[in-house]
Amino acid sequence: DWLEDYSQAISSGALAVVVLGSLAFVPFTEQYARESAPREVWDTPRF
């Protein structure tokens, strides 16, 4: 019952934890950005 009631909140919360947690390692958007950005910008402060 609790899972049925809160499933969408739990899923959004899980995504928030994964996404914000990725800041401790490699921001999740960076994994995608590297596929379209030249390698020489990957380590720049702006990127």
All heavy atoms as atom14 arrays in JSON, in Angstrom:
{
  "sequence": "DWLEDYSQAISSGALAVVVLGSLAFVPFTEQYARESAPREVWDTPRF",
  "atom14_mask": [
    [1, 1, 1, 1, 1, 1, 1, 1, 0, 0, 0, 0, 0, 0],
    [1, 1, 1, 1, 1, 1, 1, 1, 1, 1, 1, 1, 1, 1],
    [1, 1, 1, 1, 1, 1, 1, 1, 0, 0, 0, 0, 0, 0],
    [1, 1, 1, 1, 1, 1, 1, 1, 1, 0, 0, 0, 0, 0],
    [1, 1, 1, 1, 1, 1, 1, 1, 0, 0, 0, 0, 0, 0],
    [1, 1, 1, 1, 1, 1, 1, 1, 1, 1, 1, 1, 0, 0],
    [1, 1, 1, 1, 1, 1, 0, 0, 0, 0, 0, 0, 0, 0],
    [1, 1, 1, 1, 1, 1, 1, 1, 1, 0, 0, 0, 0, 0],
    [1, 1, 1, 1, 1, 0, 0, 0, 0, 0, 0, 0, 0, 0],
    [1, 1, 1, 1, 1, 1, 1, 1, 0, 0, 0, 0, 0, 0],
    [1, 1, 1, 1, 1, 1, 0, 0, 0, 0, 0, 0, 0, 0],
    [1, 1, 1, 1, 1, 1, 0, 0, 0, 0, 0, 0, 0, 0],
    [1, 1, 1, 1, 0, 0, 0, 0, 0, 0, 0, 0, 0, 0],
    [1, 1, 1, 1, 1, 0, 0, 0, 0, 0, 0, 0, 0, 0],
    [1, 1, 1, 1, 1, 1, 1, 1, 0, 0, 0, 0, 0, 0],
    [1, 1, 1, 1, 1, 0, 0, 0, 0, 0, 0, 0, 0, 0],
    [1, 1, 1, 1, 1, 1, 1, 0, 0, 0, 0, 0, 0, 0],
    [1, 1, 1, 1, 1, 1, 1, 0, 0, 0, 0, 0, 0, 0],
    [1, 1, 1, 1, 1, 1, 1, 0, 0, 0, 0, 0, 0, 0],
    [1, 1, 1, 1, 1, 1, 1, 1, 0, 0, 0, 0, 0, 0],
    [1, 1, 1, 1, 0, 0, 0, 0, 0, 0, 0, 0, 0, 0],
    [1, 1, 1, 1, 1, 1, 0, 0, 0, 0, 0, 0, 0, 0],
    [1, 1, 1, 1, 1, 1, 1, 1, 0, 0, 0, 0, 0, 0],
    [1, 1, 1, 1, 1, 0, 0, 0, 0, 0, 0, 0, 0, 0],
    [1, 1, 1, 1, 1, 1, 1, 1, 1, 1, 1, 0, 0, 0],
    [1, 1, 1, 1, 1, 1, 1, 0, 0, 0, 0, 0, 0, 0],
    [1, 1, 1, 1, 1, 1, 1, 0, 0, 0, 0, 0, 0, 0],
    [1, 1, 1, 1, 1, 1, 1, 1, 1, 1, 1, 0, 0, 0],
    [1, 1, 1, 1, 1, 1, 1, 0, 0, 0, 0, 0, 0, 0],
    [1, 1, 1, 1, 1, 1, 1, 1, 1, 0, 0, 0, 0, 0],
    [1, 1, 1, 1, 1, 1, 1, 1, 1, 0, 0, 0, 0, 0],
    [1, 1, 1, 1, 1, 1, 1, 1, 1, 1, 1, 1, 0, 0],
    [1, 1, 1, 1, 1, 0, 0, 0, 0, 0, 0, 0, 0, 0],
    [1, 1, 1, 1, 1, 1, 1, 1, 1, 1, 1, 0, 0, 0],
    [1, 1, 1, 1, 1, 1, 1, 1, 1, 0, 0, 0, 0, 0],
    [1, 1, 1, 1, 1, 1, 0, 0, 0, 0, 0, 0, 0, 0],
    [1, 1, 1, 1, 1, 0, 0, 0, 0, 0, 0, 0, 0, 0],
    [1, 1, 1, 1, 1, 1, 1, 0, 0, 0, 0, 0, 0, 0],
    [1, 1, 1, 1, 1, 1, 1, 1, 1, 1, 1, 0, 0, 0],
    [1, 1, 1, 1, 1, 1, 1, 1, 1, 0, 0, 0, 0, 0],
    [1, 1, 1, 1, 1, 1, 1, 0, 0, 0, 0, 0, 0, 0],
    [1, 1, 1, 1, 1, 1, 1, 1, 1, 1, 1, 1, 1, 1],
    [1, 1, 1, 1, 1, 1, 1, 1, 0, 0, 0, 0, 0, 0],
    [1, 1, 1, 1, 1, 1, 1, 0, 0, 0, 0, 0, 0, 0],
    [1, 1, 1, 1, 1, 1, 1, 0, 0, 0, 0, 0, 0, 0],
    [1, 1, 1, 1, 1, 1, 1, 1, 1, 1, 1, 0, 0, 0],
    [1, 1, 1, 1, 1, 1, 1, 1, 1, 1, 1, 0, 0, 0]
  ],
  "atom14_positions": [
    [[0.82, -1.22, 0.0], [0.0, 0.0, 0.0], [0.85, 1.26, 0.0], [0.6, 2.19, -0.76], [-0.95, 0.01, 1.2], [-2.09, -0.97, 1.05], [-2.35, -1.42, -0.09], [-2.73, -1.28, 2.07], [0.0, 0.0, 0.0], [0.0, 0.0, 0.0], [0.0, 0.0, 0.0], [0.0, 0.0, 0.0], [0.0, 0.0, 0.0], [0.0, 0.0, 0.0]],
    [[1.86, 1.31, 0.85], [2.72, 2.49, 0.94], [3.45, 2.73, -0.37], [3.64, 3.86, -0.8], [3.71, 2.35, 2.09], [4.68, 1.22, 1.88], [4.51, -0.09, 2.23], [5.96, 1.29, 1.24], [5.6, -0.84, 1.84], [6.51, -0.02, 1.23], [6.7, 2.33, 0.66], [7.74, -0.3, 0.68], [7.93, 2.03, 0.11], [8.45, 0.72, 0.13]],
    [[3.86, 1.63, -1.04], [4.58, 1.75, -2.3], [3.66, 2.25, -3.41], [4.05, 3.07, -4.22], [5.2, 0.41, -2.68], [6.22, 0.42, -3.79], [7.34, 1.4, -3.49], [6.79, -0.97, -3.99], [0.0, 0.0, 0.0], [0.0, 0.0, 0.0], [0.0, 0.0, 0.0], [0.0, 0.0, 0.0], [0.0, 0.0, 0.0], [0.0, 0.0, 0.0]],
    [[2.43, 1.77, -3.4], [1.46, 2.26, -4.38], [1.23, 3.76, -4.2], [1.17, 4.5, -5.17], [0.14, 1.51, -4.24], [0.19, 0.1, -4.74], [-1.15, -0.61, -4.63], [-2.14, 0.0, -4.18], [-1.21, -1.79, -5.01], [0.0, 0.0, 0.0], [0.0, 0.0, 0.0], [0.0, 0.0, 0.0], [0.0, 0.0, 0.0], [0.0, 0.0, 0.0]],
    [[1.08, 4.19, -2.95], [0.79, 5.59, -2.67], [1.98, 6.51, -3.0], [1.79, 7.62, -3.48], [0.41, 5.78, -1.2], [-0.93, 5.15, -0.86], [-1.72, 4.88, -1.79], [-1.17, 4.92, 0.34], [0.0, 0.0, 0.0], [0.0, 0.0, 0.0], [0.0, 0.0, 0.0], [0.0, 0.0, 0.0], [0.0, 0.0, 0.0], [0.0, 0.0, 0.0]],
    [[3.16, 6.05, -2.72], [4.34, 6.91, -2.82], [5.29, 6.55, -3.96], [6.4, 7.06, -4.02], [5.1, 6.9, -1.49], [4.35, 7.57, -0.38], [3.56, 6.85, 0.5], [4.4, 8.96, -0.23], [2.86, 7.47, 1.52], [3.7, 9.59, 0.78], [2.93, 8.84, 1.65], [2.24, 9.47, 2.65], [0.0, 0.0, 0.0], [0.0, 0.0, 0.0]],
    [[4.87, 5.69, -4.89], [5.79, 5.21, -5.93], [6.38, 6.34, -6.77], [7.57, 6.34, -7.07], [5.12, 4.17, -6.81], [4.02, 4.72, -7.5], [0.0, 0.0, 0.0], [0.0, 0.0, 0.0], [0.0, 0.0, 0.0], [0.0, 0.0, 0.0], [0.0, 0.0, 0.0], [0.0, 0.0, 0.0], [0.0, 0.0, 0.0], [0.0, 0.0, 0.0]],
    [[5.56, 7.31, -7.14], [6.09, 8.4, -7.96], [7.03, 9.3, -7.15], [8.05, 9.74, -7.65], [4.96, 9.18, -8.6], [4.28, 8.37, -9.69], [3.26, 9.16, -10.48], [2.61, 10.04, -9.96], [3.12, 8.82, -11.75], [0.0, 0.0, 0.0], [0.0, 0.0, 0.0], [0.0, 0.0, 0.0], [0.0, 0.0, 0.0], [0.0, 0.0, 0.0]],
    [[6.69, 9.55, -5.9], [7.57, 10.35, -5.05], [8.89, 9.62, -4.81], [9.96, 10.24, -4.84], [6.89, 10.67, -3.72], [0.0, 0.0, 0.0], [0.0, 0.0, 0.0], [0.0, 0.0, 0.0], [0.0, 0.0, 0.0], [0.0, 0.0, 0.0], [0.0, 0.0, 0.0], [0.0, 0.0, 0.0], [0.0, 0.0, 0.0], [0.0, 0.0, 0.0]],
    [[8.81, 8.31, -4.59], [10.02, 7.52, -4.37], [10.89, 7.53, -5.62], [12.11, 7.7, -5.53], [9.66, 6.07, -3.97], [9.0, 6.06, -2.59], [10.89, 5.17, -3.99], [8.33, 4.74, -2.24], [0.0, 0.0, 0.0], [0.0, 0.0, 0.0], [0.0, 0.0, 0.0], [0.0, 0.0, 0.0], [0.0, 0.0, 0.0], [0.0, 0.0, 0.0]],
    [[10.28, 7.39, -6.79], [11.07, 7.37, -8.02], [11.73, 8.73, -8.27], [12.91, 8.79, -8.63], [10.22, 6.95, -9.22], [9.2, 7.89, -9.49], [0.0, 0.0, 0.0], [0.0, 0.0, 0.0], [0.0, 0.0, 0.0], [0.0, 0.0, 0.0], [0.0, 0.0, 0.0], [0.0, 0.0, 0.0], [0.0, 0.0, 0.0], [0.0, 0.0, 0.0]],
    [[11.01, 9.81, -8.02], [11.62, 11.14, -8.18], [12.72, 11.36, -7.16], [13.77, 11.93, -7.48], [10.55, 12.23, -8.02], [9.62, 12.15, -9.07], [0.0, 0.0, 0.0], [0.0, 0.0, 0.0], [0.0, 0.0, 0.0], [0.0, 0.0, 0.0], [0.0, 0.0, 0.0], [0.0, 0.0, 0.0], [0.0, 0.0, 0.0], [0.0, 0.0, 0.0]],
    [[12.48, 10.9, -5.94], [13.5, 11.02, -4.9], [14.75, 10.21, -5.22], [15.88, 10.67, -5.01], [0.0, 0.0, 0.0], [0.0, 0.0, 0.0], [0.0, 0.0, 0.0], [0.0, 0.0, 0.0], [0.0, 0.0, 0.0], [0.0, 0.0, 0.0], [0.0, 0.0, 0.0], [0.0, 0.0, 0.0], [0.0, 0.0, 0.0], [0.0, 0.0, 0.0]],
    [[14.56, 9.0, -5.76], [15.7, 8.18, -6.16], [16.51, 8.87, -7.25], [17.75, 8.89, -7.2], [15.23, 6.81, -6.62], [0.0, 0.0, 0.0], [0.0, 0.0, 0.0], [0.0, 0.0, 0.0], [0.0, 0.0, 0.0], [0.0, 0.0, 0.0], [0.0, 0.0, 0.0], [0.0, 0.0, 0.0], [0.0, 0.0, 0.0], [0.0, 0.0, 0.0]],
    [[15.82, 9.45, -8.22], [16.53, 10.18, -9.28], [17.3, 11.37, -8.7], [18.43, 11.64, -9.09], [15.55, 10.68, -10.34], [15.43, 9.85, -11.59], [14.36, 10.4, -12.5], [16.74, 9.72, -12.32], [0.0, 0.0, 0.0], [0.0, 0.0, 0.0], [0.0, 0.0, 0.0], [0.0, 0.0, 0.0], [0.0, 0.0, 0.0], [0.0, 0.0, 0.0]],
    [[16.68, 12.09, -7.76], [17.36, 13.22, -7.13], [18.64, 12.77, -6.42], [19.69, 13.4, -6.55], [16.42, 13.92, -6.14], [0.0, 0.0, 0.0], [0.0, 0.0, 0.0], [0.0, 0.0, 0.0], [0.0, 0.0, 0.0], [0.0, 0.0, 0.0], [0.0, 0.0, 0.0], [0.0, 0.0, 0.0], [0.0, 0.0, 0.0], [0.0, 0.0, 0.0]],
    [[18.56, 11.65, -5.72], [19.73, 11.12, -5.01], [20.83, 10.73, -5.99], [22.0, 11.06, -5.8], [19.34, 9.93, -4.1], [20.56, 9.18, -3.6], [18.48, 10.41, -2.94], [0.0, 0.0, 0.0], [0.0, 0.0, 0.0], [0.0, 0.0, 0.0], [0.0, 0.0, 0.0], [0.0, 0.0, 0.0], [0.0, 0.0, 0.0], [0.0, 0.0, 0.0]],
    [[20.45, 10.03, -7.06], [21.44, 9.61, -8.07], [22.08, 10.82, -8.72], [23.31, 10.91, -8.83], [20.78, 8.7, -9.13], [21.69, 8.5, -10.33], [20.4, 7.36, -8.51], [0.0, 0.0, 0.0], [0.0, 0.0, 0.0], [0.0, 0.0, 0.0], [0.0, 0.0, 0.0], [0.0, 0.0, 0.0], [0.0, 0.0, 0.0], [0.0, 0.0, 0.0]],
    [[21.25, 11.76, -9.16], [21.77, 12.92, -9.88], [22.63, 13.79, -8.96], [23.76, 14.14, -9.3], [20.6, 13.72, -10.5], [21.06, 15.06, -11.01], [19.97, 12.9, -11.64], [0.0, 0.0, 0.0], [0.0, 0.0, 0.0], [0.0, 0.0, 0.0], [0.0, 0.0, 0.0], [0.0, 0.0, 0.0], [0.0, 0.0, 0.0], [0.0, 0.0, 0.0]],
    [[22.11, 14.14, -7.8], [22.9, 14.99, -6.89], [24.11, 14.23, -6.34], [25.17, 14.82, -6.14], [22.02, 15.52, -5.76], [20.93, 16.51, -6.21], [20.0, 16.84, -5.05], [21.54, 17.77, -6.81], [0.0, 0.0, 0.0], [0.0, 0.0, 0.0], [0.0, 0.0, 0.0], [0.0, 0.0, 0.0], [0.0, 0.0, 0.0], [0.0, 0.0, 0.0]],
    [[23.96, 12.93, -6.13], [25.09, 12.12, -5.68], [26.21, 12.07, -6.7], [27.39, 11.94, -6.34], [0.0, 0.0, 0.0], [0.0, 0.0, 0.0], [0.0, 0.0, 0.0], [0.0, 0.0, 0.0], [0.0, 0.0, 0.0], [0.0, 0.0, 0.0], [0.0, 0.0, 0.0], [0.0, 0.0, 0.0], [0.0, 0.0, 0.0], [0.0, 0.0, 0.0]],
    [[25.87, 12.18, -7.98], [26.89, 12.14, -9.02], [27.84, 13.33, -8.92], [28.96, 13.28, -9.43], [26.26, 12.08, -10.41], [25.74, 13.34, -10.82], [0.0, 0.0, 0.0], [0.0, 0.0, 0.0], [0.0, 0.0, 0.0], [0.0, 0.0, 0.0], [0.0, 0.0, 0.0], [0.0, 0.0, 0.0], [0.0, 0.0, 0.0], [0.0, 0.0, 0.0]],
    [[27.42, 14.39, -8.23], [28.3, 15.56, -8.07], [29.57, 15.21, -7.28], [30.58, 15.88, -7.42], [27.55, 16.69, -7.37], [26.44, 17.35, -8.18], [25.57, 18.23, -7.29], [27.03, 18.15, -9.33], [0.0, 0.0, 0.0], [0.0, 0.0, 0.0], [0.0, 0.0, 0.0], [0.0, 0.0, 0.0], [0.0, 0.0, 0.0], [0.0, 0.0, 0.0]],
    [[29.51, 14.17, -6.48], [30.68, 13.75, -5.71], [31.72, 13.05, -6.59], [32.87, 12.9, -6.17], [30.25, 12.83, -4.57], [0.0, 0.0, 0.0], [0.0, 0.0, 0.0], [0.0, 0.0, 0.0], [0.0, 0.0, 0.0], [0.0, 0.0, 0.0], [0.0, 0.0, 0.0], [0.0, 0.0, 0.0], [0.0, 0.0, 0.0], [0.0, 0.0, 0.0]],
    [[31.31, 12.63, -7.79], [32.2, 11.9, -8.67], [32.29, 12.61, -10.01], [33.12, 13.48, -10.2], [31.71, 10.46, -8.84], [31.51, 9.77, -7.51], [30.25, 9.65, -6.96], [32.59, 9.28, -6.79], [30.06, 9.04, -5.73], [32.43, 8.68, -5.56], [31.15, 8.54, -5.03], [0.0, 0.0, 0.0], [0.0, 0.0, 0.0], [0.0, 0.0, 0.0]],
    [[31.43, 12.24, -10.93], [31.32, 12.89, -12.24], [29.86, 13.28, -12.41], [28.99, 12.42, -12.38], [31.74, 11.93, -13.37], [31.53, 12.59, -14.73], [33.18, 11.48, -13.21], [0.0, 0.0, 0.0], [0.0, 0.0, 0.0], [0.0, 0.0, 0.0], [0.0, 0.0, 0.0], [0.0, 0.0, 0.0], [0.0, 0.0, 0.0], [0.0, 0.0, 0.0]],
    [[29.58, 14.57, -12.55], [28.19, 14.98, -12.75], [27.55, 14.19, -13.89], [28.17, 14.0, -14.94], [28.29, 16.46, -13.07], [29.59, 16.9, -12.47], [30.5, 15.71, -12.59], [0.0, 0.0, 0.0], [0.0, 0.0, 0.0], [0.0, 0.0, 0.0], [0.0, 0.0, 0.0], [0.0, 0.0, 0.0], [0.0, 0.0, 0.0], [0.0, 0.0, 0.0]],
    [[26.32, 13.74, -13.66], [25.71, 12.84, -14.64], [25.63, 13.48, -16.02], [25.75, 12.79, -17.04], [24.35, 12.33, -14.14], [23.16, 13.03, -14.7], [22.44, 12.5, -15.75], [22.75, 14.25, -14.17], [21.33, 13.15, -16.26], [21.64, 14.9, -14.67], [20.94, 14.35, -15.72], [0.0, 0.0, 0.0], [0.0, 0.0, 0.0], [0.0, 0.0, 0.0]],
    [[25.46, 14.8, -16.11], [25.37, 15.44, -17.42], [26.71, 15.39, -18.16], [26.74, 15.38, -19.39], [24.92, 16.91, -17.3], [25.83, 17.61, -16.46], [23.51, 17.0, -16.75], [0.0, 0.0, 0.0], [0.0, 0.0, 0.0], [0.0, 0.0, 0.0], [0.0, 0.0, 0.0], [0.0, 0.0, 0.0], [0.0, 0.0, 0.0], [0.0, 0.0, 0.0]],
    [[27.8, 15.35, -17.41], [29.12, 15.33, -18.03], [29.33, 14.05, -18.84], [30.0, 14.06, -19.88], [30.22, 15.47, -16.98], [31.6, 15.63, -17.56], [32.65, 15.93, -16.53], [32.37, 16.68, -15.56], [33.78, 15.43, -16.69], [0.0, 0.0, 0.0], [0.0, 0.0, 0.0], [0.0, 0.0, 0.0], [0.0, 0.0, 0.0], [0.0, 0.0, 0.0]],
    [[28.76, 12.95, -18.38], [28.9, 11.69, -19.12], [28.29, 11.82, -20.52], [28.82, 11.24, -21.47], [28.23, 10.56, -18.37], [28.93, 10.23, -17.06], [28.24, 9.12, -16.32], [27.01, 9.07, -16.25], [29.02, 8.22, -15.76], [0.0, 0.0, 0.0], [0.0, 0.0, 0.0], [0.0, 0.0, 0.0], [0.0, 0.0, 0.0], [0.0, 0.0, 0.0]],
    [[27.21, 12.56, -20.63], [26.59, 12.78, -21.94], [27.33, 13.85, -22.72], [27.52, 13.73, -23.93], [25.11, 13.16, -21.77], [24.29, 12.05, -21.18], [24.06, 11.97, -19.82], [23.76, 11.06, -22.0], [23.31, 10.94, -19.27], [23.01, 10.02, -21.47], [22.79, 9.97, -20.1], [22.07, 8.94, -19.57], [0.0, 0.0, 0.0], [0.0, 0.0, 0.0]],
    [[27.74, 14.91, -22.05], [28.42, 16.02, -22.72], [29.73, 15.58, -23.36], [30.1, 16.09, -24.43], [28.67, 17.15, -21.73], [0.0, 0.0, 0.0], [0.0, 0.0, 0.0], [0.0, 0.0, 0.0], [0.0, 0.0, 0.0], [0.0, 0.0, 0.0], [0.0, 0.0, 0.0], [0.0, 0.0, 0.0], [0.0, 0.0, 0.0], [0.0, 0.0, 0.0]],
    [[30.4, 14.64, -22.74], [31.68, 14.16, -23.3], [31.49, 13.5, -24.67], [32.43, 13.46, -25.46], [32.34, 13.17, -22.35], [32.95, 13.84, -21.15], [33.6, 12.83, -20.25], [34.25, 13.51, -19.14], [35.17, 12.97, -18.39], [35.56, 11.73, -18.6], [35.72, 13.66, -17.41], [0.0, 0.0, 0.0], [0.0, 0.0, 0.0], [0.0, 0.0, 0.0]],
    [[30.3, 13.0, -24.93], [30.07, 12.35, -26.22], [29.97, 13.33, -27.37], [30.1, 12.94, -28.53], [28.83, 11.47, -26.15], [29.03, 10.28, -25.22], [27.86, 9.33, -25.19], [26.78, 9.65, -25.75], [28.02, 8.26, -24.59], [0.0, 0.0, 0.0], [0.0, 0.0, 0.0], [0.0, 0.0, 0.0], [0.0, 0.0, 0.0], [0.0, 0.0, 0.0]],
    [[29.71, 14.6, -27.05], [29.59, 15.58, -28.14], [30.62, 16.7, -28.04], [30.72, 17.5, -28.97], [28.18, 16.17, -28.17], [27.9, 16.8, -26.94], [0.0, 0.0, 0.0], [0.0, 0.0, 0.0], [0.0, 0.0, 0.0], [0.0, 0.0, 0.0], [0.0, 0.0, 0.0], [0.0, 0.0, 0.0], [0.0, 0.0, 0.0], [0.0, 0.0, 0.0]],
    [[31.37, 16.76, -26.96], [32.38, 17.81, -26.8], [33.76, 17.25, -27.14], [34.04, 16.08, -26.9], [32.38, 18.31, -25.35], [0.0, 0.0, 0.0], [0.0, 0.0, 0.0], [0.0, 0.0, 0.0], [0.0, 0.0, 0.0], [0.0, 0.0, 0.0], [0.0, 0.0, 0.0], [0.0, 0.0, 0.0], [0.0, 0.0, 0.0], [0.0, 0.0, 0.0]],
    [[34.61, 18.1, -27.69], [35.97, 17.64, -27.99], [36.7, 17.26, -26.69], [36.51, 17.89, -25.65], [36.63, 18.86, -28.63], [35.56, 19.84, -28.9], [34.38, 19.48, -28.07], [0.0, 0.0, 0.0], [0.0, 0.0, 0.0], [0.0, 0.0, 0.0], [0.0, 0.0, 0.0], [0.0, 0.0, 0.0], [0.0, 0.0, 0.0], [0.0, 0.0, 0.0]],
    [[37.54, 16.26, -26.77], [38.27, 15.75, -25.6], [39.08, 16.85, -24.91], [39.21, 16.84, -23.69], [39.17, 14.6, -26.02], [39.94, 13.98, -24.86], [40.76, 12.78, -25.29], [39.99, 11.57, -25.41], [39.6, 10.8, -24.39], [39.9, 11.18, -23.18], [38.92, 9.71, -24.59], [0.0, 0.0, 0.0], [0.0, 0.0, 0.0], [0.0, 0.0, 0.0]],
    [[39.59, 17.79, -25.67], [40.45, 18.83, -25.08], [39.71, 19.77, -24.12], [40.34, 20.47, -23.33], [41.2, 19.63, -26.14], [40.34, 20.29, -27.19], [40.12, 19.41, -28.43], [40.45, 18.22, -28.41], [39.6, 19.97, -29.41], [0.0, 0.0, 0.0], [0.0, 0.0, 0.0], [0.0, 0.0, 0.0], [0.0, 0.0, 0.0], [0.0, 0.0, 0.0]],
    [[38.38, 19.79, -24.15], [37.63, 20.65, -23.21], [37.16, 19.91, -21.97], [36.69, 20.53, -21.02], [36.42, 21.34, -23.9], [36.86, 22.16, -25.09], [35.35, 20.35, -24.27], [0.0, 0.0, 0.0], [0.0, 0.0, 0.0], [0.0, 0.0, 0.0], [0.0, 0.0, 0.0], [0.0, 0.0, 0.0], [0.0, 0.0, 0.0], [0.0, 0.0, 0.0]],
    [[37.28, 18.59, -21.94], [36.73, 17.81, -20.84], [37.27, 18.21, -19.47], [36.55, 18.12, -18.47], [37.01, 16.33, -21.04], [36.26, 15.7, -22.17], [35.42, 16.32, -23.06], [36.29, 14.33, -22.53], [34.94, 15.4, -23.97], [35.45, 14.17, -23.66], [36.96, 13.22, -22.02], [35.26, 12.95, -24.27], [36.76, 12.0, -22.62], [35.91, 11.86, -23.74]],
    [[38.52, 18.61, -19.4], [39.13, 18.95, -18.11], [39.19, 20.44, -17.83], [39.8, 20.86, -16.85], [40.54, 18.34, -18.03], [40.49, 16.82, -18.0], [39.6, 16.27, -17.32], [41.33, 16.18, -18.66], [0.0, 0.0, 0.0], [0.0, 0.0, 0.0], [0.0, 0.0, 0.0], [0.0, 0.0, 0.0], [0.0, 0.0, 0.0], [0.0, 0.0, 0.0]],
    [[38.54, 21.23, -18.67], [38.57, 22.68, -18.45], [37.6, 23.06, -17.32], [36.56, 22.42, -17.13], [38.18, 23.45, -19.73], [36.84, 23.14, -20.08], [39.13, 23.12, -20.88], [0.0, 0.0, 0.0], [0.0, 0.0, 0.0], [0.0, 0.0, 0.0], [0.0, 0.0, 0.0], [0.0, 0.0, 0.0], [0.0, 0.0, 0.0], [0.0, 0.0, 0.0]],
    [[37.94, 24.11, -16.59], [37.05, 24.54, -15.51], [35.65, 24.91, -16.0], [34.66, 24.63, -15.32], [37.76, 25.77, -14.93], [39.19, 25.59, -15.3], [39.18, 24.86, -16.61], [0.0, 0.0, 0.0], [0.0, 0.0, 0.0], [0.0, 0.0, 0.0], [0.0, 0.0, 0.0], [0.0, 0.0, 0.0], [0.0, 0.0, 0.0], [0.0, 0.0, 0.0]],
    [[35.55, 25.5, -17.17], [34.24, 25.9, -17.71], [33.35, 24.68, -17.99], [32.18, 24.66, -17.63], [34.44, 26.72, -19.0], [33.17, 27.14, -19.66], [32.56, 28.33, -18.95], [31.37, 28.75, -19.68], [30.24, 29.08, -19.09], [30.15, 29.07, -17.78], [29.21, 29.45, -19.8], [0.0, 0.0, 0.0], [0.0, 0.0, 0.0], [0.0, 0.0, 0.0]],
    [[33.92, 23.67, -18.61], [33.18, 22.44, -18.92], [32.7, 21.79, -17.62], [31.53, 21.39, -17.51], [34.09, 21.47, -19.69], [33.41, 20.22, -20.17], [32.59, 20.23, -21.28], [33.62, 19.01, -19.51], [31.98, 19.07, -21.73], [33.0, 17.85, -19.94], [32.19, 17.87, -21.07], [0.0, 0.0, 0.0], [0.0, 0.0, 0.0], [0.0, 0.0, 0.0]]
  ]
}
